[in-house]
Amino acid sequence: MHDSLYHGPPEGGLLVAPLDEFTAVYHRASGITHLLTEPAPQILAILGEGALSLDALLDRLGLDYDLADGTRDALAARLAELVESGLVERA
């Protein structure tokens, strides 16, 4: 089965400000500010570089970050939340 590709907003589409355990992310297109926790900011940073499949994103996150719950199902759930919020789109 073909894996969907996921991508973040275009360059400059997010304003990101770390706030202790949270990261405030202002989505310019919607005018909404989201408060995110790990690994959502890391997912957005990686998808800001280019579209990736779920498996490629999981591999990249595993290389770059120490994930507490680094499973495919957990990442799929986080991606679904980010898609629903409008911060990530399926390509």
Foldseek 3Di string as FASTA:
>chain_A
DDFWKKAFDAPPQWDWDDDVQWIWIQGNVVRDIDTHGPPLVVLHVVRNVHIDGLVVSLVVCVVPHDDPDSDSVVSVVSVVVCVVVVRMHTD
